[in-house]
Amino acid sequence: MIVVTRLNDSQFAVNPDLIERIHANPDTTLVMVDGAKYIVTETMSQVIEMIASYRAYVLHLARELPPSVHQHSHPQLGLVPPAVSASGDESGDSGNTVPLRPRNT
């Protein structure tokens, strides 16, 4: 979450992943994916910098997690296991693949 300031100087946090657009005409307006609009005192460049910093922080936290947390805390839902050939090799080619055809342009 990033913390931004309304025109009345009250602060609130917004999920930057839900921001669709940012307008600066003349006030900075955050347009959310659900259509909600928030006018904030920060400039467009300040909001963009806050979003970049937030995302860098999230990546930093993810890299700092111990390996056991990455492997065991969440089941791998919805993943298709790699195809195993008759020789037991995980080549990814199960023999039932459909070749790609070039598009007609």
Foldseek 3Di string as FASTA:
>chain_A
DFWFAAPVRDIDDDDVVQFDDWDPPPFIWTQGVVGDITTTRDDPVVVVVRVVVVVVVVVVVVVPDDPCCVPPVDDPPPDDDQAADPVRDSPSCNVPDDDDDDDDD
